Amino acid sequence: MTDRRQMQAFHPFARLNRLLAEVPPGESRITAEGYEPGAPILFQVGEPRNQPPAFVAEELTKAAAGWSRYPPPRGTPAYLDACADWLGRRFGIPDSMIDRKSMILPVPGTREGLFFAALASTPAENGNGRPAILLPNPFYHVYAGACAAAGAEPVFVDAKPGRGFLPDYGALAPDVLQRTSLCYVNSPSNPQGAVADLAELRELILLARRYDFTIAFDECYAEIYTGAPPPGSLQAAEALGGGLDRMLVFHSLSKRSSAPGLRCGFVVGEAERIMALDALLRVGGAGVPLPVIAAGTRLWQEEEHVARNRARYQENFAVAERVLGNRYGFRKPEGGFFLWLDVGGGEAAALELWRAAGIRVLPGAYMCGGTPGEDNPGAPYIRIALVYGKELTEAALDRIAEVL
């Protein structure tokens, strides 16, 4: 896990490709509008299948002269204003909490920012031994890749059903927390769709401040939910006095606006940590191009398309509930657009779904790390990304249930 030369070896999709490489896909036997009979159904990747608003193309065209310029590292005043204003609307925080010039940094999606955050936060030695990075288990693969690149020890903290699929970082031994340089927190979480409440978020912030490590809140699914809007770490910080000490909070347009190809997001946090992240991105990052910044500015300002996206995913979860009922440990997640199904053996199920029906899902074990020989908390599960339209989703879930 910490060999930088072997990062691709633990990439979940690379592992899935190896599992299915010699197995021809079976016939899906699915008929649905917009589906080409016999085509594979790709449920393994969390990539929205609907398009962003048409005005994205308009904004890119209007700002096309910016393609000839290098991206400004700190974005534009209009973009920073759009991000800060959205934070105020979405989380109800006062404008005084965020200094727009020093506490917001554009990033090309959350992935790049989350990766560089580990490099910016992790020293070679911190006085207590080898630095450690805390990861939820299962986890988004970028967290582990960043840990390897930073040369830190990965500390995998299982997110178990008994705790609402949330990791208990506060239960770690003090000597581990003293070595910690960075902690990743994903709420709503990928893959389980678990949401940390405000009390949990406050405790995490206090833990980071007590042991002097950076806490990276990955909130890229904050706008996709099935009930009440998930609380955010900025609301927890406001309840603690309004400061963002030790905090970096990441947001993206990939899921919110169905624009993963745009590569546009931002991070908000303590000015000192934003400055350190900015310095590294200027060396090794690509920045966000001016035409993309222009399109992103308008997307952060507009809410109607977000509500439509959310309704689309809510429809899919209603379909899943109807098709799957109480099988495979089905639960409607609080956020995100994934199903996390307990099928007894995720790898075997993924292989059979591909062989029998041409449906690609991700074994839960491929999203987990830990010590070889120990129980893998994701082993019984498969992850299914409900990113297609309602009709195709229903037909595909019927076929999955039939095969399983």
Foldseek 3Di string as FASTA:
>chain_A
DQALVCLLVLQQVSVLCVLCVPFAFAFQPFDDPPDDGRAFAEQADQAFPDAFDPCLVVLLVVQVVLVVDAFDFAHDPLLLVLVLVLCCVQAVDDSVLADSRQFKTKFQAVLVLLLLLLQLQADCDDPLDFAEEEAEFLHDSSNVSSCSVNSGHYDYFYQDVVNQRAGDPVPDDPSNLLRYAEYEAEACGPPQQGADALVRLLVVQVSCVVNVHAYEYEDQFQLAFQDDRGHDSQNSCVVVPSAQPSYKYWYGCCLQRSCSVLRITMIGGDSVSSVSSSVVCVVVNRHHTNSSSSSSSVVSVDCPSSVVSNVQLNLLLVLLCVQQPPAQNFDRRGTARKTKGQQQAQSVLQNQCRNHNSYHWGQQLSSGDDDPPDDRSRGRIIMGGSNDGNRSSNSSSNSSVVRD
